Every structure is written in C-alpha cells, then in structure tokens.
Amino acid sequence: MQLTLGTEPLAEYLGFELAEAATKLVKEVMLAKPGEQVVVTADTSSDWRVVMATAQAARTAGAVPTVVLYPSAYHAVVEPPDPVAGAVARSQVWIEYAPAYLLHTRAWKEALQQGSRYICLAGMDVTMMVNTLGRVDYPKLLALGETLRRLVEAADAVRITSPAGTDLEARNQGRKVRQSGKLADTPGEPIMLGGQVSWCPVEETISGRLVFDGALWPPAELGILQSPVALTIERGVVVTVEGGRDAETFRRWLESFNDPNMYRLAHYSLGFNPGVTRVTGRIVEDERVFGCVEMGIGSQGAQIRGKTWSAASHTDGIVLNPSIYLDGIPLELEGRYVHPEVVEACRALRVPGY
C-alpha cells in the first residue's frame, strides 16, 4: 500500500513515530510544565498532522495548548495578524510551524520580551520531525554542538572554502558562539531545532567569495538551488551577486526591498543534525544538513551576540561540503569533520561514517 502521495502523507504514515517525536519536543526540548500556556502557530501551508501531534503532546504533558492558524504569507519576516501576535505574547511556550516564519518581526520580539520560550520549526513535516527529533539522541547531539561551539569560540581566524568556490575569511576577535539548538530553559530566549551553532565574526573582517550551492530561501521562487549563487563579500556586505537564473532571481529579490541592510551578512552557522543528509527545500531542515555551513543575510537578532540591526527581511543559504579552518587548523575538510574532539563526539552520536 502506498502511504504517501506528494507531500500529503496518509494518517498511518509514521504515526507512532510522530507521536514519540512530538512528545520529545514538548517535554524534553521545550521543557513544558503542567499548567503552562503552549501556543502552536501554523499557517495554511503547515503540516496539520505535526501541528495536532504537538498540541496533543502538550496536553498530555499537562500544559494548556492553543493552536493558531492563519493565512500563508508570501515570504518570511512579515507581521502576522493581530490575534496571532496577541496569542504568542501571552504564551509561556511558543512553537512555530509556519514556513514563512515570524522570526525578527515585532510580534516575535514582543513575545520574547514577555518571556515566551520560542522555537522556530518553520515548514516542519512528519518525516522531518521524525528524522530530526524522534530518531536523534538529543543529549549527544547537544554534546556535539557544545564541542563545535567551544572550538569555534576559542579561535580567531576563520576561513571557509568549498568545492563550489567559497573562499571566505573573517576574524572572531572574541565574539561569542551560541548553540542555537539548545533546550528551552530560559524565558525570553529563542531557540532553534537541534543541530546548529551560530555566531557572527566581526562584521568588518568578513571578506571573500561566498557560493551557495545547496539551498537558498527566501525568496519563495528558490529553495533547492538549480545553479550556484555566488556572492562577493566586502567588510561584511554583499557587493555582487553572480551566477545563472537562480542568482538573478536572488539579486532581483534583494533589490526589491530598497534596503541597504538586506545586503549585510548576518551570521555564520554550522549544521550537524544526523537526521538531515541532503537538502529538501525546507530551510530549517536544510540549515542542519550534516556538515554544512549556513549563512544568513538581512536582519540580525541580538541572540547572535554580534551587532544587531533590522532589515526588511532575512534569508539563509547553504554551502555544501565545506572546509573550515580555525586559526589554520582544519575543523572539517570537504564536508567531513576531522578535528579529533569532533570526530569523537560524532562517534558517540553514532553518525554513519565516523
């Protein structure tokens, strides 16, 4: 019997596994407590099975779930309808599934100021939830992330290259590195899906060539790239966009905002969720392709711990098979971690090939 058709799985598809993953998310990652207000936001592009499994898990945990559904936006960082903003501002836990995420919006900032513990799971479907949450040893994933975070934070010079043509250099100069996929243990602190550490080197030191060859979103017309998008970066700012049709689409999208801050490189991120082995077009998943480098452009939040600025939107792109050098010492070579401490952590996580 065929269980899936396109992107709409039947109810039986990974049903038990979905329930397990939703329970892990609510209890072990978001740390929801009895009586807490858990708001689940979704738009009309969200996977409804994931939404309902999460609400059911919250209720089983003794929390009070509220599901808010609203129309899909065309791109991310668009203010939601007022009732959505009101609901998340009064939440203790906020789980977001809308593909056009609310990260960096006024509504998002207000919810954090009110102490909501937020996680961005934009575009998550059943398969993604099972692979990235349910089947992953989360404590050992966090241990791998802590190893990466510590090694990057201890370094000054960072150089990233890739077979597609990336050659980007920067200096950390003491900048802090954050494991964005941590547990939701701090009111008002946003977190992301496990399998990513993020930071921004000193912005004025970032220069070179950045080539996205995996995925890039938004704009809505992109996702999995059909051709590389090559950016020239000078002092942390995109000065040229080159390539084929995808690059032209991206260049026009940036220009459409008439906002200089849309050209600022916002953050570096390392992806390492073993449940993600290839790009899928869902950016939250793509950012965690095991061994990838992800870069953000546009709005920059205070959680990155660099400079902070607002822009009309934000976009993220994926560099596949990177090599990463920290003070000249290789952390990763063409998509495979080689630093002994990282290799040991990968083995503990039972990552294939380590």
Protein backbone atom coordinates (compact mmCIF):
# COMPACT_ATOMS: atom_id res chain seq x y z
CA MET A 1 0.00 0.00 0.00
CA GLN A 2 1.34 3.43 -0.93
CA LEU A 3 1.37 5.59 2.18
CA THR A 4 2.37 8.93 0.67
CA LEU A 5 1.23 10.96 -2.29
CA GLY A 6 3.22 14.10 -2.99
CA THR A 7 3.67 15.98 0.28
CA GLU A 8 0.43 14.86 1.95
CA PRO A 9 1.02 11.62 3.89
CA LEU A 10 -1.86 9.47 4.96
CA ALA A 11 -2.69 9.29 8.66
CA GLU A 12 -0.90 5.96 9.09
CA TYR A 13 2.44 7.25 7.78
CA LEU A 14 4.94 7.31 10.69
CA GLY A 15 2.02 7.76 13.09
CA PHE A 16 3.63 6.16 16.13
CA GLU A 17 6.98 7.78 15.41
CA LEU A 18 5.36 11.20 15.03
CA ALA A 19 3.72 10.90 18.45
CA GLU A 20 7.07 10.00 20.00
CA ALA A 21 8.84 12.93 18.32
CA ALA A 22 6.16 15.44 19.35
CA THR A 23 6.36 14.24 22.94
CA LYS A 24 10.14 14.62 22.92
CA LEU A 25 9.82 18.15 21.53
CA VAL A 26 7.29 19.29 24.12
CA LYS A 27 8.73 17.61 27.21
CA GLU A 28 12.47 17.25 26.60
CA VAL A 29 13.28 20.22 24.36
CA MET A 30 10.69 22.89 25.21
CA LEU A 31 10.50 21.68 28.84
CA ALA A 32 6.77 22.41 29.03
CA LYS A 33 5.38 22.23 32.55
CA PRO A 34 1.86 21.44 33.78
CA GLY A 35 -0.37 24.50 33.51
CA GLU A 36 1.86 26.41 31.08
CA GLN A 37 0.28 28.11 28.07
CA VAL A 38 1.70 26.45 24.93
CA VAL A 39 0.82 28.28 21.70
CA VAL A 40 1.36 26.45 18.40
CA THR A 41 1.29 28.76 15.38
CA ALA A 42 0.76 27.46 11.87
CA ASP A 43 -0.30 28.84 8.53
CA THR A 44 -2.26 27.19 5.73
CA SER A 45 1.00 25.73 4.34
CA SER A 46 1.86 23.88 7.55
CA ASP A 47 1.63 20.11 8.04
CA TRP A 48 -1.54 19.72 10.11
CA ARG A 49 -0.55 16.30 11.47
CA VAL A 50 2.56 17.83 13.02
CA VAL A 51 0.54 20.70 14.47
CA MET A 52 -2.04 18.44 16.09
CA ALA A 53 0.51 15.92 17.36
CA THR A 54 2.31 18.78 19.10
CA ALA A 55 -0.87 20.12 20.69
CA GLN A 56 -1.81 16.63 21.88
CA ALA A 57 1.66 16.13 23.36
CA ALA A 58 1.37 19.45 25.19
CA ARG A 59 -1.96 18.42 26.67
CA THR A 60 -0.54 15.05 27.73
CA ALA A 61 2.26 16.94 29.48
CA GLY A 62 -0.35 18.82 31.49
CA ALA A 63 0.12 22.10 29.64
CA VAL A 64 -2.67 24.14 28.02
CA PRO A 65 -2.28 24.02 24.22
CA THR A 66 -3.73 26.65 21.87
CA VAL A 67 -3.42 26.24 18.10
CA VAL A 68 -3.50 29.41 15.98
CA LEU A 69 -3.98 29.00 12.20
CA TYR A 70 -3.71 31.94 9.81
CA PRO A 71 -3.21 32.58 6.05
CA SER A 72 0.17 31.83 4.45
CA ALA A 73 2.43 34.79 3.77
CA TYR A 74 4.44 35.05 0.57
CA HIS A 75 7.78 35.45 2.35
CA ALA A 76 9.26 35.40 5.84
CA VAL A 77 9.51 38.17 8.44
CA VAL A 78 6.02 39.55 7.73
CA GLU A 79 3.99 40.76 10.69
CA PRO A 80 1.18 38.29 11.48
CA PRO A 81 -2.50 39.16 12.00
CA ASP A 82 -3.06 40.96 15.31
CA PRO A 83 -4.77 37.98 17.03
CA VAL A 84 -1.69 35.85 16.32
CA ALA A 85 0.58 38.49 17.84
CA GLY A 86 -1.69 38.69 20.87
CA ALA A 87 -1.68 34.93 21.41
CA VAL A 88 2.10 34.48 21.26
CA ALA A 89 2.66 37.48 23.53
CA ARG A 90 0.72 35.66 26.27
CA SER A 91 2.40 32.29 25.84
CA GLN A 92 4.95 30.64 28.09
CA VAL A 93 5.96 28.30 25.23
CA TRP A 94 5.64 29.19 21.54
CA ILE A 95 6.21 26.55 18.85
CA GLU A 96 6.18 27.95 15.32
CA TYR A 97 5.48 25.79 12.23
CA ALA A 98 4.59 28.41 9.60
CA PRO A 99 7.04 28.15 6.66
CA ALA A 100 7.03 31.97 6.41
CA TYR A 101 8.48 32.33 9.89
CA LEU A 102 7.86 35.28 12.22
CA LEU A 103 11.45 35.45 13.45
CA HIS A 104 12.65 39.10 13.71
CA THR A 105 9.13 40.57 13.48
CA ARG A 106 7.71 42.97 16.06
CA ALA A 107 5.32 40.24 17.21
CA TRP A 108 8.24 37.88 17.77
CA LYS A 109 10.21 40.49 19.72
CA GLU A 110 7.19 41.31 21.88
CA ALA A 111 6.64 37.64 22.73
CA LEU A 112 10.27 37.27 23.79
CA GLN A 113 10.08 40.43 25.89
CA GLN A 114 7.10 38.88 27.68
CA GLY A 115 9.20 35.80 28.48
CA SER A 116 7.98 33.26 25.92
CA ARG A 117 10.26 30.30 25.25
CA TYR A 118 10.20 30.13 21.44
CA ILE A 119 11.36 27.57 18.87
CA CYS A 120 11.38 28.06 15.09
CA LEU A 121 10.36 24.88 13.28
CA ALA A 122 9.25 26.56 10.06
CA GLY A 123 7.98 24.16 7.41
CA MET A 124 8.38 21.02 9.51
CA ASP A 125 6.52 17.99 8.18
CA VAL A 126 6.08 14.49 9.56
CA THR A 127 9.22 12.99 8.01
CA MET A 128 11.36 15.94 9.09
CA MET A 129 10.07 15.78 12.66
CA VAL A 130 10.73 12.07 12.98
CA ASN A 131 14.22 12.28 11.41
CA THR A 132 15.49 15.40 13.19
CA LEU A 133 13.86 14.93 16.60
CA GLY A 134 12.39 11.49 17.16
CA ARG A 135 15.30 9.40 15.89
CA VAL A 136 18.12 11.59 17.22
CA ASP A 137 19.84 11.12 20.58
CA TYR A 138 19.28 14.72 21.66
CA PRO A 139 21.69 14.83 24.63
CA LYS A 140 24.52 13.51 22.43
CA LEU A 141 23.54 15.93 19.66
CA LEU A 142 23.86 18.78 22.15
CA ALA A 143 27.22 17.39 23.27
CA LEU A 144 28.48 17.52 19.67
CA GLY A 145 27.18 21.08 19.40
CA GLU A 146 28.96 22.11 22.58
CA THR A 147 32.23 20.74 21.20
CA LEU A 148 31.81 22.71 17.97
CA ARG A 149 30.74 25.84 19.86
CA ARG A 150 33.75 25.72 22.14
CA LEU A 151 36.27 25.15 19.34
CA VAL A 152 34.90 27.94 17.16
CA GLU A 153 34.69 30.38 20.06
CA ALA A 154 38.32 29.70 21.02
CA ALA A 155 39.53 30.59 17.52
CA ASP A 156 40.23 33.98 15.97
CA ALA A 157 40.87 33.48 12.25
CA VAL A 158 38.11 31.58 10.41
CA ARG A 159 38.46 30.54 6.79
CA ILE A 160 35.75 28.64 4.89
CA THR A 161 36.22 27.15 1.43
CA SER A 162 34.16 24.78 -0.69
CA PRO A 163 34.42 22.87 -3.98
CA ALA A 164 31.80 25.24 -5.46
CA GLY A 165 34.10 28.23 -4.98
CA THR A 166 33.53 29.63 -1.50
CA ASP A 167 36.65 31.26 -0.03
CA LEU A 168 35.66 33.48 2.87
CA GLU A 169 37.87 34.82 5.64
CA ALA A 170 36.94 36.54 8.89
CA ARG A 171 38.09 37.22 12.46
CA ASN A 172 36.15 36.37 15.60
CA GLN A 173 38.13 38.65 17.92
CA GLY A 174 36.44 37.16 20.99
CA ARG A 175 32.90 37.00 19.62
CA LYS A 176 30.67 34.50 21.43
CA VAL A 177 29.26 31.41 19.72
CA ARG A 178 25.78 30.09 20.51
CA GLN A 179 24.35 26.62 20.20
CA SER A 180 21.00 27.73 18.79
CA GLY A 181 19.57 24.21 19.09
CA LYS A 182 19.77 24.15 22.88
CA LEU A 183 16.99 23.33 25.35
CA ALA A 184 14.32 25.95 26.06
CA ASP A 185 15.38 26.55 29.64
CA THR A 186 15.43 30.38 29.66
CA PRO A 187 12.34 32.62 29.43
CA GLY A 188 12.57 35.08 26.55
CA GLU A 189 15.35 33.18 24.77
CA PRO A 190 14.63 31.96 21.23
CA ILE A 191 15.97 28.57 20.22
CA MET A 192 16.11 26.59 17.00
CA LEU A 193 15.93 22.94 16.00
CA GLY A 194 18.91 20.96 17.35
CA GLY A 195 21.94 20.59 15.12
CA GLN A 196 23.26 24.12 14.66
CA VAL A 197 25.74 26.51 16.25
CA SER A 198 25.68 30.15 15.20
CA TRP A 199 27.72 33.31 15.57
CA CYS A 200 28.91 36.29 13.61
CA PRO A 201 32.59 37.14 13.24
CA VAL A 202 33.40 40.84 13.50
CA GLU A 203 31.41 42.11 10.55
CA GLU A 204 34.06 44.39 9.06
CA THR A 205 36.54 41.49 8.85
CA ILE A 206 34.33 39.27 6.64
CA SER A 207 35.56 39.30 3.06
CA GLY A 208 35.86 36.96 0.10
CA ARG A 209 33.60 34.83 -2.03
CA LEU A 210 30.52 33.01 -0.72
CA VAL A 211 28.88 30.44 -3.01
CA PHE A 212 25.52 28.92 -2.07
CA ASP A 213 25.19 25.56 -3.84
CA GLY A 214 22.67 23.68 -1.67
CA ALA A 215 19.58 25.74 -0.91
CA LEU A 216 18.56 29.37 -0.52
CA TRP A 217 15.28 30.71 0.93
CA PRO A 218 13.58 33.12 0.72
CA PRO A 219 12.70 34.27 -1.97
CA ALA A 220 9.77 31.95 -2.48
CA GLU A 221 10.90 31.12 -6.02
CA LEU A 222 14.02 29.42 -4.69
CA GLY A 223 14.64 26.58 -2.25
CA ILE A 224 16.79 23.76 -3.59
CA LEU A 225 19.21 25.53 -5.92
CA GLN A 226 19.43 24.51 -9.56
CA SER A 227 22.60 26.57 -10.06
CA PRO A 228 25.09 28.16 -7.64
CA VAL A 229 24.58 31.69 -6.35
CA ALA A 230 27.97 33.42 -5.92
CA LEU A 231 28.30 36.47 -3.68
CA THR A 232 31.27 38.78 -3.28
CA ILE A 233 31.51 39.95 0.34
CA GLU A 234 33.44 43.06 1.34
CA ARG A 235 33.60 44.09 5.01
CA GLY A 236 30.53 42.02 5.77
CA VAL A 237 28.38 43.38 2.94
CA VAL A 238 27.23 41.68 -0.29
CA VAL A 239 28.55 43.78 -3.19
CA THR A 240 27.88 41.48 -6.16
CA VAL A 241 25.55 38.57 -6.94
CA GLU A 242 26.64 36.34 -9.83
CA GLY A 243 25.54 33.09 -11.44
CA GLY A 244 22.68 31.79 -13.54
CA ARG A 245 18.91 32.04 -13.27
CA ASP A 246 18.80 31.40 -9.51
CA ALA A 247 21.34 34.16 -8.90
CA GLU A 248 19.30 36.57 -10.99
CA THR A 249 16.16 35.71 -9.01
CA PHE A 250 18.03 36.32 -5.77
CA ARG A 251 19.57 39.59 -6.98
CA ARG A 252 16.16 40.96 -8.00
CA TRP A 253 14.68 39.90 -4.64
CA LEU A 254 17.37 41.76 -2.70
CA GLU A 255 16.91 44.86 -4.85
CA SER A 256 13.14 44.83 -4.38
CA PHE A 257 13.41 45.93 -0.74
CA ASN A 258 15.47 49.05 -1.43
CA ASP A 259 17.07 48.43 1.97
CA PRO A 260 20.87 48.57 2.44
CA ASN A 261 20.64 46.28 5.48
CA MET A 262 19.37 43.47 3.24
CA TYR A 263 22.94 43.17 1.91
CA ARG A 264 24.57 42.67 5.30
CA LEU A 265 25.87 39.22 6.20
CA ALA A 266 24.06 38.43 9.44
CA HIS A 267 25.53 35.19 10.76
CA TYR A 268 27.56 32.03 10.23
CA SER A 269 26.05 28.68 11.26
CA LEU A 270 27.34 25.11 11.25
CA GLY A 271 24.79 22.36 10.57
CA PHE A 272 25.22 18.91 12.16
CA ASN A 273 21.88 17.11 12.62
CA PRO A 274 22.49 13.48 11.55
CA GLY A 275 18.83 13.20 10.54
CA VAL A 276 19.46 15.57 7.63
CA THR A 277 21.59 14.09 4.87
CA ARG A 278 20.52 16.25 1.89
CA VAL A 279 18.74 19.49 1.10
CA THR A 280 14.96 19.30 0.85
CA GLY A 281 13.83 22.87 0.20
CA ARG A 282 12.65 23.33 3.81
CA ILE A 283 15.15 25.87 5.05
CA VAL A 284 15.04 24.93 8.76
CA GLU A 285 15.94 21.38 7.74
CA ASP A 286 18.46 22.46 5.10
CA GLU A 287 20.34 24.58 7.64
CA ARG A 288 21.13 21.37 9.50
CA VAL A 289 22.45 19.18 6.69
CA PHE A 290 25.18 17.28 8.47
CA GLY A 291 28.50 19.07 7.88
CA CYS A 292 27.11 22.08 6.01
CA VAL A 293 27.76 25.77 6.56
CA GLU A 294 24.74 28.08 6.53
CA MET A 295 24.92 31.85 6.21
CA GLY A 296 22.18 34.38 6.97
CA ILE A 297 21.73 37.70 5.18
CA GLY A 298 19.48 40.58 6.26
CA SER A 299 18.00 41.13 9.74
CA GLN A 300 20.24 40.26 12.66
CA GLY A 301 18.89 39.48 16.12
CA ALA A 302 20.62 40.08 19.44
CA GLN A 303 20.77 36.32 20.09
CA ILE A 304 23.71 36.03 17.65
CA ARG A 305 25.70 38.27 20.02
CA GLY A 306 27.28 40.39 17.31
CA LYS A 307 25.93 43.70 16.08
CA THR A 308 22.14 43.94 15.90
CA TRP A 309 20.12 45.57 13.12
CA SER A 310 16.74 45.38 11.44
CA ALA A 311 16.16 44.80 7.75
CA ALA A 312 13.13 44.30 5.55
CA SER A 313 13.60 40.51 5.61
CA HIS A 314 16.12 37.72 6.20
CA THR A 315 17.35 34.87 4.04
CA ASP A 316 19.53 31.80 4.60
CA GLY A 317 21.77 29.93 2.17
CA ILE A 318 23.58 26.60 2.34
CA VAL A 319 27.20 25.80 1.46
CA LEU A 320 27.69 22.07 0.91
CA ASN A 321 30.89 20.08 1.52
CA PRO A 322 32.77 22.97 3.15
CA SER A 323 36.27 23.01 4.57
CA ILE A 324 36.62 25.03 7.78
CA TYR A 325 39.94 26.22 9.18
CA LEU A 326 40.21 27.68 12.68
CA ASP A 327 43.48 29.57 13.12
CA GLY A 328 44.78 27.47 10.23
CA ILE A 329 43.81 24.13 11.81
CA PRO A 330 41.20 22.12 9.89
CA LEU A 331 37.92 21.50 11.71
CA GLU A 332 36.30 19.99 8.62
CA LEU A 333 37.52 19.03 5.16
CA GLU A 334 35.01 18.93 2.28
CA GLY A 335 32.06 18.08 4.49
CA ARG A 336 33.77 15.65 6.87
CA TYR A 337 34.80 16.66 10.38
CA VAL A 338 38.44 15.86 11.05
CA HIS A 339 39.18 17.53 14.39
CA PRO A 340 39.76 14.68 16.90
CA GLU A 341 37.33 16.03 19.51
CA VAL A 342 34.57 16.47 16.93
CA VAL A 343 35.19 13.01 15.46
CA GLU A 344 34.86 11.51 18.95
CA ALA A 345 31.55 13.33 19.50
CA CYS A 346 30.29 12.14 16.10
CA ARG A 347 31.10 8.57 17.05
CA ALA A 348 29.24 8.93 20.34
CA LEU A 349 26.22 10.16 18.35
CA ARG A 350 26.64 7.16 16.01
CA VAL A 351 26.87 9.28 12.89
CA PRO A 352 27.38 6.98 9.88
CA GLY A 353 30.95 7.06 8.57
CA TYR A 354 32.57 8.02 11.89
